[in-house]
Amino acid sequence: MLVKTHLFLLYSLISASVCLAGDKIPPFFEANYTLYSNDTKVGLMQRRFFQQEDGKYIFRSESKTTGFIALIKKVHMLEVSTWDLIGSYFTPLNYTYHRIKGKKERDAEINFNWEKKQITNRVNESTWHMQTQAGIQDKLLYQLSLMSDLKSAHIPENYTVADGGKIKQYIFKRINDEILKTPLGEFKTMKLSLHKSNNKKQETFLWCAYDLNFLPIKVTNTEKDDRLTTAIIKSVSGLGINNN
């Protein structure tokens, strides 16, 4: 009887930890955005979060110019983050980036080897290494971490991100709550600012919707040339609604 009691308690603890870990992960979703440069529509972006058959998680972002803009300036960008939940941490395993801009191509990959505590960066044919750090994210994964943290009523001060072959701090600050009108209707959102530690001039704002597990439904970014780029939600499936 004592053995059975111990086994039951052990099973209960394991089950509880699995449930708690699972609660950290946002629901799987697909979100589509319209992209603007200043006030001109220039393209579309699709974000998908799903799980592979091997249990690994995939967060995928694809952007491309459309319409008349695509005829004069063809741009196609694909980012893929492969990651896993280790303990209670969103842990990056591999990040890939591929961009076609006119006749130019840029191909990059970041591999996280946690056994060797080594990050391997590759851009086209150049390769170099860095050491891993506890809690480090890739350029896509931090966005899922943000959704998870906000749902847990935790506003992060910063994330450590492997970005451009360097370790950078993405610094967040809560601005206020806003009601945001979108093609999907009105949403109550939490507005946040984002600055990168190495770039004080570039400024990003995110509007994260309470009813969509804090999915960013609007993002603005002021570029170095003062050009304003904006992504606004167009449709979403998963997260409790289906507007595709």
Protein backbone atom coordinates (compact mmCIF):
# COMPACT_ATOMS: atom_id res chain seq x y z
CA MET A 1 0.00 0.00 0.00
CA LEU A 2 2.85 2.38 0.88
CA VAL A 3 4.51 1.68 -2.49
CA LYS A 4 1.24 2.34 -4.31
CA THR A 5 0.81 5.60 -2.39
CA HIS A 6 4.32 6.71 -3.35
CA LEU A 7 3.70 5.78 -6.97
CA PHE A 8 0.42 7.68 -6.98
CA LEU A 9 2.07 10.78 -5.49
CA LEU A 10 4.93 10.53 -8.01
CA TYR A 11 2.47 10.20 -10.88
CA SER A 12 0.49 13.17 -9.56
CA LEU A 13 3.63 15.32 -9.36
CA ILE A 14 4.71 14.35 -12.87
CA SER A 15 1.21 15.00 -14.25
CA ALA A 16 1.07 18.36 -12.50
CA SER A 17 4.45 19.44 -13.90
CA VAL A 18 3.40 18.40 -17.42
CA CYS A 19 0.16 20.38 -17.11
CA LEU A 20 1.98 23.42 -15.78
CA ALA A 21 4.52 23.21 -18.60
CA GLY A 22 1.75 22.80 -21.16
CA ASP A 23 -0.05 25.85 -19.80
CA LYS A 24 2.98 27.98 -20.66
CA ILE A 25 2.72 27.18 -24.36
CA PRO A 26 0.30 29.34 -26.37
CA PRO A 27 -2.36 27.49 -28.39
CA PHE A 28 -1.34 26.63 -31.96
CA PHE A 29 -2.41 29.28 -34.44
CA GLU A 30 -2.08 30.81 -37.88
CA ALA A 31 -2.17 34.60 -38.18
CA ASN A 32 -2.07 36.70 -41.33
CA TYR A 33 -1.06 40.36 -41.43
CA THR A 34 -1.14 43.20 -43.93
CA LEU A 35 2.17 45.06 -44.21
CA TYR A 36 2.50 48.81 -44.77
CA SER A 37 5.41 51.13 -45.43
CA ASN A 38 4.30 54.52 -44.14
CA ASP A 39 0.69 54.52 -45.45
CA THR A 40 1.27 52.32 -48.51
CA LYS A 41 0.28 48.65 -48.53
CA VAL A 42 3.35 46.68 -49.58
CA GLY A 43 2.83 43.03 -48.66
CA LEU A 44 1.56 40.21 -46.50
CA MET A 45 2.96 38.24 -43.59
CA GLN A 46 1.88 34.84 -42.30
CA ARG A 47 2.81 33.45 -38.88
CA ARG A 48 2.21 29.78 -37.98
CA PHE A 49 2.81 27.98 -34.70
CA PHE A 50 2.49 24.19 -34.67
CA GLN A 51 4.09 20.95 -33.48
CA GLN A 52 5.94 18.40 -35.60
CA GLU A 53 5.43 14.64 -35.40
CA ASP A 54 8.73 14.32 -33.48
CA GLY A 55 7.33 16.59 -30.75
CA LYS A 56 9.44 19.64 -31.60
CA TYR A 57 7.68 22.99 -31.90
CA ILE A 58 7.82 25.17 -35.01
CA PHE A 59 7.21 28.91 -35.22
CA ARG A 60 7.28 30.04 -38.84
CA SER A 61 7.07 33.55 -40.32
CA GLU A 62 6.84 34.29 -44.04
CA SER A 63 6.63 37.77 -45.58
CA LYS A 64 6.46 38.91 -49.18
CA THR A 65 5.68 41.99 -51.21
CA THR A 66 2.44 41.89 -53.20
CA GLY A 67 0.61 43.79 -55.94
CA PHE A 68 2.29 46.62 -57.81
CA ILE A 69 5.09 46.85 -55.22
CA ALA A 70 6.11 43.27 -55.99
CA LEU A 71 6.58 44.20 -59.64
CA ILE A 72 9.13 46.89 -58.86
CA LYS A 73 10.63 45.50 -55.65
CA LYS A 74 10.27 41.77 -55.07
CA VAL A 75 11.06 40.77 -51.49
CA HIS A 76 10.45 37.34 -49.93
CA MET A 77 11.55 36.45 -46.40
CA LEU A 78 11.16 33.19 -44.48
CA GLU A 79 12.12 32.61 -40.84
CA VAL A 80 11.72 29.31 -38.97
CA SER A 81 12.34 28.67 -35.28
CA THR A 82 12.54 25.06 -34.10
CA TRP A 83 12.38 24.75 -30.33
CA ASP A 84 11.38 22.60 -27.38
CA LEU A 85 10.08 23.08 -23.86
CA ILE A 86 12.87 21.95 -21.53
CA GLY A 87 11.79 22.17 -17.92
CA SER A 88 9.69 25.32 -18.00
CA TYR A 89 11.90 27.13 -20.52
CA PHE A 90 11.25 27.84 -24.18
CA THR A 91 14.55 26.50 -25.53
CA PRO A 92 15.69 27.27 -29.10
CA LEU A 93 17.23 24.45 -31.11
CA ASN A 94 17.58 25.88 -34.59
CA TYR A 95 16.72 29.14 -36.35
CA THR A 96 16.86 29.72 -40.11
CA TYR A 97 16.46 32.90 -42.14
CA HIS A 98 16.23 33.20 -45.90
CA ARG A 99 15.62 36.46 -47.77
CA ILE A 100 15.37 37.21 -51.45
CA LYS A 101 15.46 40.91 -52.30
CA GLY A 102 15.56 41.46 -56.03
CA LYS A 103 18.57 39.49 -57.25
CA LYS A 104 20.23 39.37 -53.82
CA GLU A 105 19.87 36.47 -51.42
CA ARG A 106 20.80 36.14 -47.75
CA ASP A 107 20.80 32.77 -46.04
CA ALA A 108 21.47 32.42 -42.30
CA GLU A 109 21.22 29.70 -39.66
CA ILE A 110 21.72 29.61 -35.90
CA ASN A 111 22.16 26.20 -34.27
CA PHE A 112 21.96 25.83 -30.47
CA ASN A 113 23.97 22.89 -29.11
CA TRP A 114 23.02 22.74 -25.44
CA GLU A 115 25.24 19.75 -24.63
CA LYS A 116 28.35 21.60 -25.82
CA LYS A 117 26.93 24.97 -24.68
CA GLN A 118 27.73 26.36 -28.11
CA ILE A 119 25.87 28.48 -30.65
CA THR A 120 26.92 28.10 -34.28
CA ASN A 121 26.14 31.04 -36.55
CA ARG A 122 26.22 30.74 -40.32
CA VAL A 123 25.56 33.54 -42.80
CA ASN A 124 25.93 32.39 -46.41
CA GLU A 125 29.39 30.74 -46.36
CA SER A 126 30.73 32.34 -43.15
CA THR A 127 30.54 30.44 -39.83
CA TRP A 128 31.46 31.41 -36.26
CA HIS A 129 30.66 30.30 -32.70
CA MET A 130 29.38 31.79 -29.44
CA GLN A 131 28.62 30.38 -26.01
CA THR A 132 25.04 29.65 -24.99
CA GLN A 133 23.45 31.57 -22.13
CA ALA A 134 20.65 30.52 -19.80
CA GLY A 135 17.29 31.67 -21.12
CA ILE A 136 18.62 32.79 -24.51
CA GLN A 137 16.03 33.11 -27.32
CA ASP A 138 16.12 33.40 -31.08
CA LYS A 139 14.59 36.24 -33.12
CA LEU A 140 11.22 34.48 -33.45
CA LEU A 141 10.92 32.45 -30.27
CA TYR A 142 11.00 35.47 -27.95
CA GLN A 143 7.62 36.48 -29.38
CA LEU A 144 6.00 33.26 -28.12
CA SER A 145 7.78 33.75 -24.79
CA LEU A 146 6.27 37.23 -24.63
CA MET A 147 2.76 35.84 -25.22
CA SER A 148 3.31 33.25 -22.48
CA ASP A 149 4.72 35.75 -19.99
CA LEU A 150 1.92 38.29 -20.54
CA LYS A 151 -0.71 35.58 -20.09
CA SER A 152 0.96 34.76 -16.75
CA ALA A 153 0.67 38.46 -15.79
CA HIS A 154 4.42 38.87 -16.06
CA ILE A 155 5.73 41.80 -18.09
CA PRO A 156 9.34 41.00 -19.01
CA GLU A 157 11.97 43.67 -18.62
CA ASN A 158 14.12 42.09 -21.32
CA TYR A 159 14.97 38.93 -23.25
CA THR A 160 18.45 37.77 -24.20
CA VAL A 161 18.39 37.07 -27.96
CA ALA A 162 20.87 35.61 -30.44
CA ASP A 163 20.55 38.18 -33.21
CA GLY A 164 22.85 38.92 -36.14
CA GLY A 165 25.74 36.86 -34.77
CA LYS A 166 25.66 38.73 -31.44
CA ILE A 167 23.98 38.42 -28.06
CA LYS A 168 21.55 41.32 -27.64
CA GLN A 169 19.08 42.48 -25.02
CA TYR A 170 15.52 43.14 -26.17
CA ILE A 171 14.20 45.63 -23.62
CA PHE A 172 10.44 45.98 -23.03
CA LYS A 173 8.33 48.63 -21.35
CA ARG A 174 4.58 48.67 -20.85
CA ILE A 175 2.97 51.83 -22.23
CA ASN A 176 -0.76 51.41 -21.51
CA ASP A 177 -3.89 49.49 -22.48
CA GLU A 178 -5.63 50.50 -25.70
CA ILE A 179 -8.76 49.49 -27.60
CA LEU A 180 -7.53 48.78 -31.11
CA LYS A 181 -9.75 48.68 -34.21
CA THR A 182 -8.71 46.03 -36.75
CA PRO A 183 -10.28 44.27 -39.76
CA LEU A 184 -11.32 41.57 -37.24
CA GLY A 185 -13.06 44.03 -34.94
CA GLU A 186 -12.06 45.79 -31.75
CA PHE A 187 -9.64 44.27 -29.25
CA LYS A 188 -8.40 45.32 -25.85
CA THR A 189 -4.62 45.35 -26.15
CA MET A 190 -1.55 45.92 -24.03
CA LYS A 191 0.80 48.33 -25.79
CA LEU A 192 4.52 47.67 -25.27
CA SER A 193 7.66 49.36 -26.52
CA LEU A 194 10.72 47.37 -27.59
CA HIS A 195 14.29 48.58 -27.92
CA LYS A 196 17.37 46.57 -28.77
CA SER A 197 20.38 47.20 -26.53
CA ASN A 198 22.65 47.99 -29.47
CA ASN A 199 20.22 50.22 -31.36
CA LYS A 200 18.61 53.09 -29.45
CA LYS A 201 17.33 54.78 -32.62
CA GLN A 202 15.18 51.91 -33.86
CA GLU A 203 11.85 51.88 -32.02
CA THR A 204 9.21 49.15 -32.07
CA PHE A 205 5.72 49.12 -30.56
CA LEU A 206 3.53 46.04 -30.12
CA TRP A 207 -0.19 45.85 -29.39
CA CYS A 208 -0.91 42.44 -27.78
CA ALA A 209 -4.57 41.34 -27.62
CA TYR A 210 -5.90 40.08 -24.28
CA ASP A 211 -8.52 37.85 -25.94
CA LEU A 212 -5.99 36.26 -28.32
CA ASN A 213 -3.52 34.99 -25.71
CA PHE A 214 -1.62 38.29 -26.14
CA LEU A 215 -0.86 37.71 -29.80
CA PRO A 216 0.60 40.93 -31.25
CA ILE A 217 -2.13 42.17 -33.60
CA LYS A 218 -0.31 45.37 -34.57
CA VAL A 219 3.40 46.07 -34.73
CA THR A 220 5.07 49.30 -35.81
CA ASN A 221 8.75 49.84 -36.38
CA THR A 222 10.57 53.09 -37.10
CA GLU A 223 13.54 52.39 -39.34
CA LYS A 224 16.87 54.25 -39.42
CA ASP A 225 15.66 56.34 -42.37
CA ASP A 226 12.54 57.35 -40.36
CA ARG A 227 10.35 55.12 -42.53
CA LEU A 228 7.46 53.60 -40.53
CA THR A 229 6.66 49.94 -41.20
CA THR A 230 3.42 48.50 -39.82
CA ALA A 231 1.89 45.02 -39.58
CA ILE A 232 -1.86 44.80 -38.85
CA ILE A 233 -3.78 41.58 -38.27
CA LYS A 234 -5.88 40.45 -41.23
CA SER A 235 -7.10 37.00 -40.15
CA VAL A 236 -6.40 34.42 -37.47
CA SER A 237 -7.30 30.80 -36.77
CA GLY A 238 -6.74 29.04 -33.49
CA LEU A 239 -6.55 31.01 -30.22
CA GLY A 240 -10.26 30.42 -29.76
CA ILE A 241 -11.48 32.08 -32.96
CA ASN A 242 -11.45 31.39 -36.68
CA ASN A 243 -11.52 34.32 -39.12
CA ASN A 244 -9.83 32.78 -42.17
